[in-house]
Amino acid sequence: MPIDDEVIRLGQFLKLANLIETGSEAKTVIAAGLVRVNDEVELRRGRQLHAGDVVSLASHQVRVVNV
């Protein structure tokens, strides 16, 4: 999933990648330990993602790339 900036927060990225619909849903799935970044459970909604990071939720995996 391409991003315009050098970094993006995890909660924003989940919405951008259409893995969730709302910010409150991001908070819920992250707090429940359902989101992985680079194969590690991530509990911080504000986690900064960089190009090359891979975000997983359920059976979906999305790689962060710069435009």
C-alpha atoms as a PDB file:
ATOM      1  CA  MET A   1       0.000   0.000   0.000  1.00  0.00           C
ATOM      2  CA  PRO A   2       1.682   3.267  -1.076  1.00  0.00           C
ATOM      3  CA  ILE A   3       1.920   6.198   1.331  1.00  0.00           C
ATOM      4  CA  ASP A   4       2.731   9.825   0.527  1.00  0.00           C
ATOM      5  CA  ASP A   5       4.892  10.552   3.572  1.00  0.00           C
ATOM      6  CA  GLU A   6       8.015   8.878   4.907  1.00  0.00           C
ATOM      7  CA  VAL A   7       6.090   7.421   7.876  1.00  0.00           C
ATOM      8  CA  ILE A   8       2.462   6.727   8.790  1.00  0.00           C
ATOM      9  CA  ARG A   9       0.826   5.703  12.053  1.00  0.00           C
ATOM     10  CA  LEU A  10      -0.497   2.168  12.319  1.00  0.00           C
ATOM     11  CA  GLY A  11      -4.108   3.227  12.967  1.00  0.00           C
ATOM     12  CA  GLN A  12      -4.095   5.479   9.905  1.00  0.00           C
ATOM     13  CA  PHE A  13      -2.504   2.791   7.764  1.00  0.00           C
ATOM     14  CA  LEU A  14      -5.137   0.208   8.703  1.00  0.00           C
ATOM     15  CA  LYS A  15      -7.839   2.577   7.437  1.00  0.00           C
ATOM     16  CA  LEU A  16      -5.890   3.550   4.307  1.00  0.00           C
ATOM     17  CA  ALA A  17      -5.370  -0.108   3.420  1.00  0.00           C
ATOM     18  CA  ASN A  18      -9.100  -0.806   3.948  1.00  0.00           C
ATOM     19  CA  LEU A  19      -8.359  -3.388   6.632  1.00  0.00           C
ATOM     20  CA  ILE A  20     -10.765  -1.583   8.973  1.00  0.00           C
ATOM     21  CA  GLU A  21     -13.495   1.034   8.574  1.00  0.00           C
ATOM     22  CA  THR A  22     -13.069   3.416  11.519  1.00  0.00           C
ATOM     23  CA  GLY A  23     -10.497   4.713  13.970  1.00  0.00           C
ATOM     24  CA  SER A  24     -12.377   3.133  16.841  1.00  0.00           C
ATOM     25  CA  GLU A  25     -12.189  -0.217  15.085  1.00  0.00           C
ATOM     26  CA  ALA A  26      -8.407   0.292  14.770  1.00  0.00           C
ATOM     27  CA  LYS A  27      -8.172   0.884  18.499  1.00  0.00           C
ATOM     28  CA  THR A  28     -10.175  -2.278  19.198  1.00  0.00           C
ATOM     29  CA  VAL A  29      -8.282  -4.685  16.922  1.00  0.00           C
ATOM     30  CA  ILE A  30      -4.886  -3.325  17.986  1.00  0.00           C
ATOM     31  CA  ALA A  31      -5.727  -3.512  21.709  1.00  0.00           C
ATOM     32  CA  ALA A  32      -6.968  -7.090  21.218  1.00  0.00           C
ATOM     33  CA  GLY A  33      -3.559  -8.079  19.808  1.00  0.00           C
ATOM     34  CA  LEU A  34      -4.945  -8.920  16.374  1.00  0.00           C
ATOM     35  CA  VAL A  35      -2.520  -6.732  14.417  1.00  0.00           C
ATOM     36  CA  ARG A  36       1.041  -7.777  13.634  1.00  0.00           C
ATOM     37  CA  VAL A  37       3.825  -5.612  12.247  1.00  0.00           C
ATOM     38  CA  ASN A  38       6.732  -7.535  10.753  1.00  0.00           C
ATOM     39  CA  ASP A  39       5.425 -10.743  12.388  1.00  0.00           C
ATOM     40  CA  GLU A  40       5.286  -9.222  15.887  1.00  0.00           C
ATOM     41  CA  VAL A  41       2.077  -8.359  17.751  1.00  0.00           C
ATOM     42  CA  GLU A  42       1.731  -4.570  17.928  1.00  0.00           C
ATOM     43  CA  LEU A  43      -0.363  -2.947  20.664  1.00  0.00           C
ATOM     44  CA  ARG A  44       0.428   0.717  19.882  1.00  0.00           C
ATOM     45  CA  ARG A  45      -1.998   2.474  17.556  1.00  0.00           C
ATOM     46  CA  GLY A  46       0.530   5.278  17.076  1.00  0.00           C
ATOM     47  CA  ARG A  47       3.334   2.937  15.954  1.00  0.00           C
ATOM     48  CA  GLN A  48       5.252   4.621  13.145  1.00  0.00           C
ATOM     49  CA  LEU A  49       5.407   2.499   9.998  1.00  0.00           C
ATOM     50  CA  HIS A  50       8.114   2.873   7.378  1.00  0.00           C
ATOM     51  CA  ALA A  51       8.538   1.571   3.827  1.00  0.00           C
ATOM     52  CA  GLY A  52       9.077  -2.169   3.908  1.00  0.00           C
ATOM     53  CA  ASP A  53       7.036  -2.825   7.053  1.00  0.00           C
ATOM     54  CA  VAL A  54       4.421  -5.566   6.674  1.00  0.00           C
ATOM     55  CA  VAL A  55       1.121  -5.197   8.526  1.00  0.00           C
ATOM     56  CA  SER A  56      -1.058  -8.267   9.097  1.00  0.00           C
ATOM     57  CA  LEU A  57      -4.675  -8.454  10.234  1.00  0.00           C
ATOM     58  CA  ALA A  58      -6.594 -11.717  10.029  1.00  0.00           C
ATOM     59  CA  SER A  59      -5.638 -13.317   6.689  1.00  0.00           C
ATOM     60  CA  HIS A  60      -4.558 -10.017   5.100  1.00  0.00           C
ATOM     61  CA  GLN A  61      -0.974  -8.800   4.763  1.00  0.00           C
ATOM     62  CA  VAL A  62      -0.080  -5.367   3.410  1.00  0.00           C
ATOM     63  CA  ARG A  63       3.414  -3.972   2.802  1.00  0.00           C
ATOM     64  CA  VAL A  64       4.104  -0.267   3.298  1.00  0.00           C
ATOM     65  CA  VAL A  65       5.733   1.405   0.279  1.00  0.00           C
ATOM     66  CA  ASN A  66       6.585   5.035  -0.448  1.00  0.00           C
ATOM     67  CA  VAL A  67       5.142   6.677  -3.552  1.00  0.00           C
END
